[in-house]
Amino acid sequence: MIWAGISANDKTPLVFMPKNVNINTTVYQEQVFKKYVFPFKRSHPQMIFQQDWAPAHSAISTLRGGISALLRSSEVALNRKNGPETKNYPELSTLTISSSAHPGKSERHN
């Protein structure tokens, strides 16, 4: 798995997880949220956290612990437009990668 956070003004480091690691709730919270999301939030207090409702992201312990702590710790907006009811719309969680080496050519990744 590769994880990254982006904003209009900055980006997080790319996080590469080993192939043999199952990204469950605990791994997501410990290896991504605490190590990358919280520090990024501290240096970008106006960030908007865009939830995509992947299983590890939407676990009750992630929502109560991670996101709630993130929201309590500062005035960070949580984009609620992309809530659990939208996970039936694959285009909301599709990543489109465009290559500057091949203008007009892109790949969709679900």
PDB file of N, CA and C in Angstrom:
ATOM      1  N   MET A   1       0.841  -1.169   0.000  1.00  0.00           N
ATOM      2  CA  MET A   1       0.000   0.000   0.000  1.00  0.00           C
ATOM      3  C   MET A   1       0.885   1.230   0.000  1.00  0.00           C
ATOM      4  N   ILE A   2       0.437   2.230  -0.720  1.00  0.00           N
ATOM      5  CA  ILE A   2       1.077   3.542  -0.711  1.00  0.00           C
ATOM      6  C   ILE A   2       0.032   4.524  -0.227  1.00  0.00           C
ATOM      7  N   TRP A   3       0.420   5.376   0.723  1.00  0.00           N
ATOM      8  CA  TRP A   3      -0.495   6.376   1.267  1.00  0.00           C
ATOM      9  C   TRP A   3       0.158   7.741   1.136  1.00  0.00           C
ATOM     10  N   ALA A   4      -0.652   8.748   0.854  1.00  0.00           N
ATOM     11  CA  ALA A   4      -0.159  10.122   0.805  1.00  0.00           C
ATOM     12  C   ALA A   4      -1.298  11.069   1.112  1.00  0.00           C
ATOM     13  N   GLY A   5      -0.949  12.221   1.617  1.00  0.00           N
ATOM     14  CA  GLY A   5      -1.907  13.294   1.839  1.00  0.00           C
ATOM     15  C   GLY A   5      -1.484  14.486   1.002  1.00  0.00           C
ATOM     16  N   ILE A   6      -2.450  15.136   0.394  1.00  0.00           N
ATOM     17  CA  ILE A   6      -2.144  16.314  -0.417  1.00  0.00           C
ATOM     18  C   ILE A   6      -3.088  17.444  -0.050  1.00  0.00           C
ATOM     19  N   SER A   7      -2.635  18.651  -0.280  1.00  0.00           N
ATOM     20  CA  SER A   7      -3.482  19.822  -0.068  1.00  0.00           C
ATOM     21  C   SER A   7      -3.159  20.825  -1.164  1.00  0.00           C
ATOM     22  N   ALA A   8      -3.837  21.944  -1.141  1.00  0.00           N
ATOM     23  CA  ALA A   8      -3.574  22.985  -2.126  1.00  0.00           C
ATOM     24  C   ALA A   8      -2.180  23.576  -1.947  1.00  0.00           C
ATOM     25  N   ASN A   9      -1.641  23.488  -0.728  1.00  0.00           N
ATOM     26  CA  ASN A   9      -0.377  24.148  -0.430  1.00  0.00           C
ATOM     27  C   ASN A   9       0.798  23.225  -0.152  1.00  0.00           C
ATOM     28  N   ASP A  10       0.555  21.960   0.105  1.00  0.00           N
ATOM     29  CA  ASP A  10       1.646  21.081   0.523  1.00  0.00           C
ATOM     30  C   ASP A  10       1.249  19.618   0.355  1.00  0.00           C
ATOM     31  N   LYS A  11       2.149  18.732   0.720  1.00  0.00           N
ATOM     32  CA  LYS A  11       1.887  17.294   0.649  1.00  0.00           C
ATOM     33  C   LYS A  11       2.632  16.603   1.783  1.00  0.00           C
ATOM     34  N   THR A  12       2.128  15.432   2.174  1.00  0.00           N
ATOM     35  CA  THR A  12       2.822  14.619   3.166  1.00  0.00           C
ATOM     36  C   THR A  12       3.879  13.787   2.440  1.00  0.00           C
ATOM     37  N   PRO A  13       4.775  13.184   3.194  1.00  0.00           N
ATOM     38  CA  PRO A  13       5.672  12.216   2.550  1.00  0.00           C
ATOM     39  C   PRO A  13       4.850  11.020   2.065  1.00  0.00           C
ATOM     40  N   LEU A  14       5.344  10.350   1.044  1.00  0.00           N
ATOM     41  CA  LEU A  14       4.718   9.101   0.621  1.00  0.00           C
ATOM     42  C   LEU A  14       5.017   8.042   1.671  1.00  0.00           C
ATOM     43  N   VAL A  15       4.012   7.252   2.014  1.00  0.00           N
ATOM     44  CA  VAL A  15       4.177   6.181   2.987  1.00  0.00           C
ATOM     45  C   VAL A  15       4.066   4.864   2.229  1.00  0.00           C
ATOM     46  N   PHE A  16       5.120   4.090   2.237  1.00  0.00           N
ATOM     47  CA  PHE A  16       5.135   2.790   1.572  1.00  0.00           C
ATOM     48  C   PHE A  16       5.059   1.707   2.634  1.00  0.00           C
ATOM     49  N   MET A  17       4.044   0.883   2.561  1.00  0.00           N
ATOM     50  CA  MET A  17       3.900  -0.235   3.489  1.00  0.00           C
ATOM     51  C   MET A  17       4.402  -1.499   2.796  1.00  0.00           C
ATOM     52  N   PRO A  18       5.096  -2.372   3.531  1.00  0.00           N
ATOM     53  CA  PRO A  18       5.579  -3.621   2.926  1.00  0.00           C
ATOM     54  C   PRO A  18       4.421  -4.449   2.354  1.00  0.00           C
ATOM     55  N   LYS A  19       4.711  -5.209   1.322  1.00  0.00           N
ATOM     56  CA  LYS A  19       3.685  -6.023   0.658  1.00  0.00           C
ATOM     57  C   LYS A  19       3.003  -6.999   1.603  1.00  0.00           C
ATOM     58  N   ASN A  20       3.737  -7.511   2.586  1.00  0.00           N
ATOM     59  CA  ASN A  20       3.172  -8.534   3.462  1.00  0.00           C
ATOM     60  C   ASN A  20       2.385  -7.959   4.635  1.00  0.00           C
ATOM     61  N   VAL A  21       2.213  -6.645   4.695  1.00  0.00           N
ATOM     62  CA  VAL A  21       1.480  -6.022   5.800  1.00  0.00           C
ATOM     63  C   VAL A  21       0.012  -5.872   5.426  1.00  0.00           C
ATOM     64  N   ASN A  22      -0.863  -6.426   6.256  1.00  0.00           N
ATOM     65  CA  ASN A  22      -2.301  -6.276   6.078  1.00  0.00           C
ATOM     66  C   ASN A  22      -2.701  -4.940   6.707  1.00  0.00           C
ATOM     67  N   ILE A  23      -3.275  -4.057   5.923  1.00  0.00           N
ATOM     68  CA  ILE A  23      -3.644  -2.738   6.430  1.00  0.00           C
ATOM     69  C   ILE A  23      -4.977  -2.854   7.154  1.00  0.00           C
ATOM     70  N   ASN A  24      -4.884  -3.159   8.428  1.00  0.00           N
ATOM     71  CA  ASN A  24      -6.083  -3.218   9.254  1.00  0.00           C
ATOM     72  C   ASN A  24      -6.197  -1.913  10.042  1.00  0.00           C
ATOM     73  N   THR A  25      -7.173  -1.830  10.888  1.00  0.00           N
ATOM     74  CA  THR A  25      -7.417  -0.607  11.652  1.00  0.00           C
ATOM     75  C   THR A  25      -6.214  -0.209  12.488  1.00  0.00           C
ATOM     76  N   THR A  26      -5.616  -1.154  13.195  1.00  0.00           N
ATOM     77  CA  THR A  26      -4.476  -0.842  14.064  1.00  0.00           C
ATOM     78  C   THR A  26      -3.289  -0.329  13.264  1.00  0.00           C
ATOM     79  N   VAL A  27      -2.966  -0.998  12.174  1.00  0.00           N
ATOM     80  CA  VAL A  27      -1.844  -0.563  11.332  1.00  0.00           C
ATOM     81  C   VAL A  27      -2.115   0.832  10.791  1.00  0.00           C
ATOM     82  N   TYR A  28      -3.319   1.073  10.301  1.00  0.00           N
ATOM     83  CA  TYR A  28      -3.658   2.393   9.765  1.00  0.00           C
ATOM     84  C   TYR A  28      -3.517   3.473  10.832  1.00  0.00           C
ATOM     85  N   GLN A  29      -4.067   3.223  12.016  1.00  0.00           N
ATOM     86  CA  GLN A  29      -4.012   4.225  13.080  1.00  0.00           C
ATOM     87  C   GLN A  29      -2.582   4.493  13.533  1.00  0.00           C
ATOM     88  N   GLU A  30      -1.797   3.434  13.738  1.00  0.00           N
ATOM     89  CA  GLU A  30      -0.439   3.583  14.274  1.00  0.00           C
ATOM     90  C   GLU A  30       0.579   4.027  13.222  1.00  0.00           C
ATOM     91  N   GLN A  31       0.505   3.447  12.023  1.00  0.00           N
ATOM     92  CA  GLN A  31       1.535   3.692  11.024  1.00  0.00           C
ATOM     93  C   GLN A  31       1.230   4.844  10.067  1.00  0.00           C
ATOM     94  N   VAL A  32      -0.019   5.239   9.983  1.00  0.00           N
ATOM     95  CA  VAL A  32      -0.376   6.333   9.073  1.00  0.00           C
ATOM     96  C   VAL A  32      -0.910   7.526   9.849  1.00  0.00           C
ATOM     97  N   PHE A  33      -2.002   7.323  10.564  1.00  0.00           N
ATOM     98  CA  PHE A  33      -2.679   8.444  11.218  1.00  0.00           C
ATOM     99  C   PHE A  33      -1.773   9.141  12.225  1.00  0.00           C
ATOM    100  N   LYS A  34      -1.222   8.394  13.174  1.00  0.00           N
ATOM    101  CA  LYS A  34      -0.403   9.009  14.227  1.00  0.00           C
ATOM    102  C   LYS A  34       0.931   9.532  13.709  1.00  0.00           C
ATOM    103  N   LYS A  35       1.529   8.838  12.745  1.00  0.00           N
ATOM    104  CA  LYS A  35       2.848   9.241  12.249  1.00  0.00           C
ATOM    105  C   LYS A  35       2.797  10.335  11.188  1.00  0.00           C
ATOM    106  N   TYR A  36       1.701  10.418  10.435  1.00  0.00           N
ATOM    107  CA  TYR A  36       1.677  11.343   9.311  1.00  0.00           C
ATOM    108  C   TYR A  36       0.530  12.351   9.347  1.00  0.00           C
ATOM    109  N   VAL A  37      -0.682  11.915   9.660  1.00  0.00           N
ATOM    110  CA  VAL A  37      -1.824  12.837   9.636  1.00  0.00           C
ATOM    111  C   VAL A  37      -1.716  13.863  10.756  1.00  0.00           C
ATOM    112  N   PHE A  38      -1.479  13.420  11.992  1.00  0.00           N
ATOM    113  CA  PHE A  38      -1.376  14.367  13.113  1.00  0.00           C
ATOM    114  C   PHE A  38      -0.249  15.381  12.916  1.00  0.00           C
ATOM    115  N   PRO A  39       0.974  14.959  12.567  1.00  0.00           N
ATOM    116  CA  PRO A  39       2.032  15.955  12.353  1.00  0.00           C
ATOM    117  C   PRO A  39       1.712  16.931  11.217  1.00  0.00           C
ATOM    118  N   PHE A  40       1.105  16.419  10.145  1.00  0.00           N
ATOM    119  CA  PHE A  40       0.741  17.301   9.034  1.00  0.00           C
ATOM    120  C   PHE A  40      -0.282  18.329   9.495  1.00  0.00           C
ATOM    121  N   LYS A  41      -1.242  17.890  10.303  1.00  0.00           N
ATOM    122  CA  LYS A  41      -2.265  18.792  10.827  1.00  0.00           C
ATOM    123  C   LYS A  41      -1.650  19.891  11.682  1.00  0.00           C
ATOM    124  N   ARG A  42      -0.654  19.545  12.482  1.00  0.00           N
ATOM    125  CA  ARG A  42      -0.023  20.556  13.336  1.00  0.00           C
ATOM    126  C   ARG A  42       0.608  21.674  12.518  1.00  0.00           C
ATOM    127  N   SER A  43       1.177  21.338  11.385  1.00  0.00           N
ATOM    128  CA  SER A  43       1.800  22.374  10.557  1.00  0.00           C
ATOM    129  C   SER A  43       0.847  22.963   9.516  1.00  0.00           C
ATOM    130  N   HIS A  44      -0.344  22.411   9.407  1.00  0.00           N
ATOM    131  CA  HIS A  44      -1.359  22.885   8.454  1.00  0.00           C
ATOM    132  C   HIS A  44      -2.712  22.938   9.164  1.00  0.00           C
ATOM    133  N   PRO A  45      -2.888  23.882  10.088  1.00  0.00           N
ATOM    134  CA  PRO A  45      -4.096  23.887  10.927  1.00  0.00           C
ATOM    135  C   PRO A  45      -5.403  24.079  10.166  1.00  0.00           C
ATOM    136  N   GLN A  46      -5.368  24.547   8.953  1.00  0.00           N
ATOM    137  CA  GLN A  46      -6.607  24.757   8.194  1.00  0.00           C
ATOM    138  C   GLN A  46      -6.937  23.592   7.268  1.00  0.00           C
ATOM    139  N   MET A  47      -6.259  22.472   7.444  1.00  0.00           N
ATOM    140  CA  MET A  47      -6.483  21.346   6.535  1.00  0.00           C
ATOM    141  C   MET A  47      -7.920  20.828   6.608  1.00  0.00           C
ATOM    142  N   ILE A  48      -8.359  20.223   5.535  1.00  0.00           N
ATOM    143  CA  ILE A  48      -9.658  19.552   5.486  1.00  0.00           C
ATOM    144  C   ILE A  48      -9.370  18.065   5.366  1.00  0.00           C
ATOM    145  N   PHE A  49      -9.917  17.284   6.264  1.00  0.00           N
ATOM    146  CA  PHE A  49      -9.708  15.837   6.233  1.00  0.00           C
ATOM    147  C   PHE A  49     -10.793  15.221   5.363  1.00  0.00           C
ATOM    148  N   GLN A  50     -10.417  14.684   4.223  1.00  0.00           N
ATOM    149  CA  GLN A  50     -11.354  14.080   3.271  1.00  0.00           C
ATOM    150  C   GLN A  50     -11.417  12.583   3.536  1.00  0.00           C
ATOM    151  N   GLN A  51     -12.505  12.113   4.067  1.00  0.00           N
ATOM    152  CA  GLN A  51     -12.686  10.705   4.414  1.00  0.00           C
ATOM    153  C   GLN A  51     -13.150   9.928   3.191  1.00  0.00           C
ATOM    154  N   ASP A  52     -12.522   8.802   2.898  1.00  0.00           N
ATOM    155  CA  ASP A  52     -12.977   7.987   1.762  1.00  0.00           C
ATOM    156  C   ASP A  52     -13.670   6.699   2.203  1.00  0.00           C
ATOM    157  N   TRP A  53     -13.749   6.469   3.489  1.00  0.00           N
ATOM    158  CA  TRP A  53     -14.502   5.367   4.085  1.00  0.00           C
ATOM    159  C   TRP A  53     -14.005   3.981   3.705  1.00  0.00           C
ATOM    160  N   ALA A  54     -12.714   3.839   3.457  1.00  0.00           N
ATOM    161  CA  ALA A  54     -12.127   2.500   3.314  1.00  0.00           C
ATOM    162  C   ALA A  54     -12.283   1.790   4.659  1.00  0.00           C
ATOM    163  N   PRO A  55     -12.306   0.462   4.700  1.00  0.00           N
ATOM    164  CA  PRO A  55     -12.571  -0.245   5.964  1.00  0.00           C
ATOM    165  C   PRO A  55     -11.704   0.194   7.148  1.00  0.00           C
ATOM    166  N   ALA A  56     -10.394   0.332   6.969  1.00  0.00           N
ATOM    167  CA  ALA A  56      -9.534   0.751   8.090  1.00  0.00           C
ATOM    168  C   ALA A  56      -9.810   2.194   8.496  1.00  0.00           C
ATOM    169  N   HIS A  57     -10.235   3.010   7.547  1.00  0.00           N
ATOM    170  CA  HIS A  57     -10.510   4.419   7.825  1.00  0.00           C
ATOM    171  C   HIS A  57     -11.830   4.606   8.557  1.00  0.00           C
ATOM    172  N   SER A  58     -12.767   3.703   8.328  1.00  0.00           N
ATOM    173  CA  SER A  58     -14.110   3.886   8.867  1.00  0.00           C
ATOM    174  C   SER A  58     -14.399   3.030  10.094  1.00  0.00           C
ATOM    175  N   ALA A  59     -13.390   2.352  10.617  1.00  0.00           N
ATOM    176  CA  ALA A  59     -13.584   1.564  11.838  1.00  0.00           C
ATOM    177  C   ALA A  59     -13.979   2.497  12.982  1.00  0.00           C
ATOM    178  N   ILE A  60     -14.819   2.027  13.860  1.00  0.00           N
ATOM    179  CA  ILE A  60     -15.293   2.856  14.974  1.00  0.00           C
ATOM    180  C   ILE A  60     -14.127   3.405  15.781  1.00  0.00           C
ATOM    181  N   SER A  61     -13.107   2.580  16.036  1.00  0.00           N
ATOM    182  CA  SER A  61     -11.973   3.070  16.827  1.00  0.00           C
ATOM    183  C   SER A  61     -11.193   4.155  16.092  1.00  0.00           C
ATOM    184  N   THR A  62     -11.142   4.104  14.763  1.00  0.00           N
ATOM    185  CA  THR A  62     -10.492   5.173  14.003  1.00  0.00           C
ATOM    186  C   THR A  62     -11.330   6.437  14.084  1.00  0.00           C
ATOM    187  N   LEU A  63     -12.636   6.296  13.887  1.00  0.00           N
ATOM    188  CA  LEU A  63     -13.509   7.466  13.912  1.00  0.00           C
ATOM    189  C   LEU A  63     -13.536   8.118  15.289  1.00  0.00           C
ATOM    190  N   ARG A  64     -13.629   7.323  16.338  1.00  0.00           N
ATOM    191  CA  ARG A  64     -13.687   7.875  17.694  1.00  0.00           C
ATOM    192  C   ARG A  64     -12.333   8.370  18.169  1.00  0.00           C
ATOM    193  N   GLY A  65     -11.294   7.632  17.846  1.00  0.00           N
ATOM    194  CA  GLY A  65      -9.963   7.990  18.322  1.00  0.00           C
ATOM    195  C   GLY A  65      -9.266   8.972  17.409  1.00  0.00           C
ATOM    196  N   GLY A  66      -8.990   8.535  16.203  1.00  0.00           N
ATOM    197  CA  GLY A  66      -8.202   9.339  15.288  1.00  0.00           C
ATOM    198  C   GLY A  66      -8.862  10.610  14.819  1.00  0.00           C
ATOM    199  N   ILE A  67      -9.989  10.491  14.161  1.00  0.00           N
ATOM    200  CA  ILE A  67     -10.631  11.670  13.594  1.00  0.00           C
ATOM    201  C   ILE A  67     -11.163  12.576  14.687  1.00  0.00           C
ATOM    202  N   SER A  68     -11.767  12.006  15.718  1.00  0.00           N
ATOM    203  CA  SER A  68     -12.276  12.837  16.814  1.00  0.00           C
ATOM    204  C   SER A  68     -11.149  13.604  17.480  1.00  0.00           C
ATOM    205  N   ALA A  69     -10.010  12.932  17.715  1.00  0.00           N
ATOM    206  CA  ALA A  69      -8.866  13.613  18.322  1.00  0.00           C
ATOM    207  C   ALA A  69      -8.345  14.700  17.393  1.00  0.00           C
ATOM    208  N   LEU A  70      -8.325  14.426  16.119  1.00  0.00           N
ATOM    209  CA  LEU A  70      -7.876  15.411  15.142  1.00  0.00           C
ATOM    210  C   LEU A  70      -8.777  16.635  15.174  1.00  0.00           C
ATOM    211  N   LEU A  71     -10.077  16.403  15.217  1.00  0.00           N
ATOM    212  CA  LEU A  71     -11.018  17.518  15.237  1.00  0.00           C
ATOM    213  C   LEU A  71     -10.978  18.273  16.561  1.00  0.00           C
ATOM    214  N   ARG A  72     -10.826  17.561  17.689  1.00  0.00           N
ATOM    215  CA  ARG A  72     -10.765  18.217  18.996  1.00  0.00           C
ATOM    216  C   ARG A  72      -9.513  19.064  19.146  1.00  0.00           C
ATOM    217  N   SER A  73      -8.419  18.633  18.533  1.00  0.00           N
ATOM    218  CA  SER A  73      -7.146  19.291  18.760  1.00  0.00           C
ATOM    219  C   SER A  73      -7.006  20.615  18.020  1.00  0.00           C
ATOM    220  N   SER A  74      -7.847  20.890  17.057  1.00  0.00           N
ATOM    221  CA  SER A  74      -7.798  22.172  16.354  1.00  0.00           C
ATOM    222  C   SER A  74      -9.070  22.340  15.537  1.00  0.00           C
ATOM    223  N   GLU A  75      -9.154  23.447  14.878  1.00  0.00           N
ATOM    224  CA  GLU A  75     -10.314  23.730  14.037  1.00  0.00           C
ATOM    225  C   GLU A  75     -10.104  23.128  12.652  1.00  0.00           C
ATOM    226  N   VAL A  76     -10.103  21.827  12.574  1.00  0.00           N
ATOM    227  CA  VAL A  76      -9.924  21.137  11.302  1.00  0.00           C
ATOM    228  C   VAL A  76     -11.286  20.731  10.785  1.00  0.00           C
ATOM    229  N   ALA A  77     -11.536  21.000   9.536  1.00  0.00           N
ATOM    230  CA  ALA A  77     -12.829  20.654   8.948  1.00  0.00           C
ATOM    231  C   ALA A  77     -12.827  19.196   8.500  1.00  0.00           C
ATOM    232  N   LEU A  78     -13.907  18.510   8.736  1.00  0.00           N
ATOM    233  CA  LEU A  78     -14.102  17.149   8.228  1.00  0.00           C
ATOM    234  C   LEU A  78     -15.123  17.247   7.107  1.00  0.00           C
ATOM    235  N   ASN A  79     -14.732  16.875   5.922  1.00  0.00           N
ATOM    236  CA  ASN A  79     -15.625  16.952   4.780  1.00  0.00           C
ATOM    237  C   ASN A  79     -16.652  15.837   4.887  1.00  0.00           C
ATOM    238  N   ARG A  80     -17.865  16.190   5.257  1.00  0.00           N
ATOM    239  CA  ARG A  80     -18.921  15.191   5.455  1.00  0.00           C
ATOM    240  C   ARG A  80     -19.670  14.873   4.167  1.00  0.00           C
ATOM    241  N   LYS A  81     -19.363  15.556   3.082  1.00  0.00           N
ATOM    242  CA  LYS A  81     -20.041  15.273   1.819  1.00  0.00           C
ATOM    243  C   LYS A  81     -19.734  13.863   1.331  1.00  0.00           C
ATOM    244  N   ASN A  82     -18.605  13.331   1.724  1.00  0.00           N
ATOM    245  CA  ASN A  82     -18.192  12.005   1.273  1.00  0.00           C
ATOM    246  C   ASN A  82     -18.334  11.033   2.438  1.00  0.00           C
ATOM    247  N   GLY A  83     -19.553  10.806   2.888  1.00  0.00           N
ATOM    248  CA  GLY A  83     -19.820   9.964   4.046  1.00  0.00           C
ATOM    249  C   GLY A  83     -20.080   8.524   3.663  1.00  0.00           C
ATOM    250  N   PRO A  84     -20.448   7.700   4.642  1.00  0.00           N
ATOM    251  CA  PRO A  84     -20.642   6.270   4.385  1.00  0.00           C
ATOM    252  C   PRO A  84     -21.659   5.988   3.290  1.00  0.00           C
ATOM    253  N   GLU A  85     -22.633   6.869   3.154  1.00  0.00           N
ATOM    254  CA  GLU A  85     -23.658   6.627   2.142  1.00  0.00           C
ATOM    255  C   GLU A  85     -23.113   6.778   0.729  1.00  0.00           C
ATOM    256  N   THR A  86     -21.921   7.371   0.560  1.00  0.00           N
ATOM    257  CA  THR A  86     -21.365   7.570  -0.779  1.00  0.00           C
ATOM    258  C   THR A  86     -20.422   6.459  -1.204  1.00  0.00           C
ATOM    259  N   LYS A  87     -20.156   5.465  -0.341  1.00  0.00           N
ATOM    260  CA  LYS A  87     -19.177   4.458  -0.738  1.00  0.00           C
ATOM    261  C   LYS A  87     -19.674   3.537  -1.846  1.00  0.00           C
ATOM    262  N   ASN A  88     -20.934   3.659  -2.230  1.00  0.00           N
ATOM    263  CA  ASN A  88     -21.430   2.906  -3.373  1.00  0.00           C
ATOM    264  C   ASN A  88     -21.109   3.593  -4.696  1.00  0.00           C
ATOM    265  N   TYR A  89     -20.443   4.734  -4.620  1.00  0.00           N
ATOM    266  CA  TYR A  89     -20.079   5.482  -5.811  1.00  0.00           C
ATOM    267  C   TYR A  89     -18.573   5.360  -6.017  1.00  0.00           C
ATOM    268  N   PRO A  90     -18.121   4.417  -6.846  1.00  0.00           N
ATOM    269  CA  PRO A  90     -16.689   4.155  -6.971  1.00  0.00           C
ATOM    270  C   PRO A  90     -15.879   5.355  -7.434  1.00  0.00           C
ATOM    271  N   GLU A  91     -16.472   6.271  -8.173  1.00  0.00           N
ATOM    272  CA  GLU A  91     -15.700   7.417  -8.657  1.00  0.00           C
ATOM    273  C   GLU A  91     -15.210   8.307  -7.519  1.00  0.00           C
ATOM    274  N   LEU A  92     -15.845   8.227  -6.347  1.00  0.00           N
ATOM    275  CA  LEU A  92     -15.404   9.047  -5.225  1.00  0.00           C
ATOM    276  C   LEU A  92     -14.132   8.513  -4.588  1.00  0.00           C
ATOM    277  N   SER A  93     -13.798   7.265  -4.820  1.00  0.00           N
ATOM    278  CA  SER A  93     -12.576   6.723  -4.241  1.00  0.00           C
ATOM    279  C   SER A  93     -11.599   6.270  -5.325  1.00  0.00           C
ATOM    280  N   THR A  94     -11.785   6.758  -6.524  1.00  0.00           N
ATOM    281  CA  THR A  94     -10.901   6.416  -7.626  1.00  0.00           C
ATOM    282  C   THR A  94      -9.763   7.418  -7.686  1.00  0.00           C
ATOM    283  N   LEU A  95      -8.559   6.913  -7.825  1.00  0.00           N
ATOM    284  CA  LEU A  95      -7.389   7.756  -7.964  1.00  0.00           C
ATOM    285  C   LEU A  95      -7.017   7.780  -9.430  1.00  0.00           C
ATOM    286  N   THR A  96      -6.936   8.952 -10.005  1.00  0.00           N
ATOM    287  CA  THR A  96      -6.519   9.088 -11.386  1.00  0.00           C
ATOM    288  C   THR A  96      -5.097   9.620 -11.398  1.00  0.00           C
ATOM    289  N   ILE A  97      -4.194   8.892 -12.023  1.00  0.00           N
ATOM    290  CA  ILE A  97      -2.798   9.298 -12.095  1.00  0.00           C
ATOM    291  C   ILE A  97      -2.516   9.713 -13.524  1.00  0.00           C
ATOM    292  N   SER A  98      -2.080  10.949 -13.689  1.00  0.00           N
ATOM    293  CA  SER A  98      -1.719  11.451 -15.006  1.00  0.00           C
ATOM    294  C   SER A  98      -0.205  11.531 -15.099  1.00  0.00           C
ATOM    295  N   SER A  99       0.305  11.214 -16.235  1.00  0.00           N
ATOM    296  CA  SER A  99       1.743  11.267 -16.439  1.00  0.00           C
ATOM    297  C   SER A  99       2.087  12.476 -17.281  1.00  0.00           C
ATOM    298  N   SER A 100       3.010  13.322 -16.779  1.00  0.00           N
ATOM    299  CA  SER A 100       3.424  14.486 -17.560  1.00  0.00           C
ATOM    300  C   SER A 100       4.242  14.054 -18.771  1.00  0.00           C
ATOM    301  N   ALA A 101       4.806  12.843 -18.720  1.00  0.00           N
ATOM    302  CA  ALA A 101       5.573  12.333 -19.855  1.00  0.00           C
ATOM    303  C   ALA A 101       4.663  11.914 -20.999  1.00  0.00           C
ATOM    304  N   HIS A 102       3.410  11.624 -20.685  1.00  0.00           N
ATOM    305  CA  HIS A 102       2.445  11.204 -21.697  1.00  0.00           C
ATOM    306  C   HIS A 102       1.183  12.037 -21.554  1.00  0.00           C
ATOM    307  N   PRO A 103       1.198  13.296 -22.006  1.00  0.00           N
ATOM    308  CA  PRO A 103       0.013  14.150 -21.863  1.00  0.00           C
ATOM    309  C   PRO A 103      -1.225  13.497 -22.460  1.00  0.00           C
ATOM    310  N   GLY A 104      -2.323  13.634 -21.755  1.00  0.00           N
ATOM    311  CA  GLY A 104      -3.581  13.084 -22.220  1.00  0.00           C
ATOM    312  C   GLY A 104      -3.779  11.623 -21.871  1.00  0.00           C
ATOM    313  N   LYS A 105      -2.764  10.985 -21.351  1.00  0.00           N
ATOM    314  CA  LYS A 105      -2.869   9.571 -20.983  1.00  0.00           C
ATOM    315  C   LYS A 105      -2.915   9.471 -19.464  1.00  0.00           C
ATOM    316  N   SER A 106      -3.908   8.795 -18.952  1.00  0.00           N
ATOM    317  CA  SER A 106      -4.017   8.632 -17.502  1.00  0.00           C
ATOM    318  C   SER A 106      -4.509   7.232 -17.184  1.00  0.00           C
ATOM    319  N   GLU A 107      -4.337   6.847 -15.919  1.00  0.00           N
ATOM    320  CA  GLU A 107      -4.774   5.536 -15.459  1.00  0.00           C
ATOM    321  C   GLU A 107      -5.708   5.717 -14.285  1.00  0.00           C
ATOM    322  N   ARG A 108      -6.748   4.897 -14.218  1.00  0.00           N
ATOM    323  CA  ARG A 108      -7.669   4.905 -13.069  1.00  0.00           C
ATOM    324  C   ARG A 108      -7.304   3.770 -12.140  1.00  0.00           C
ATOM    325  N   HIS A 109      -7.301   4.065 -10.848  1.00  0.00           N
ATOM    326  CA  HIS A 109      -7.004   3.052  -9.838  1.00  0.00           C
ATOM    327  C   HIS A 109      -8.095   3.084  -8.797  1.00  0.00           C
ATOM    328  N   ASN A 110      -8.794   1.976  -8.598  1.00  0.00           N
ATOM    329  CA  ASN A 110      -9.854   1.906  -7.591  1.00  0.00           C
ATOM    330  C   ASN A 110      -9.301   1.357  -6.306  1.00  0.00           C
TER     331      ASN A 110
END
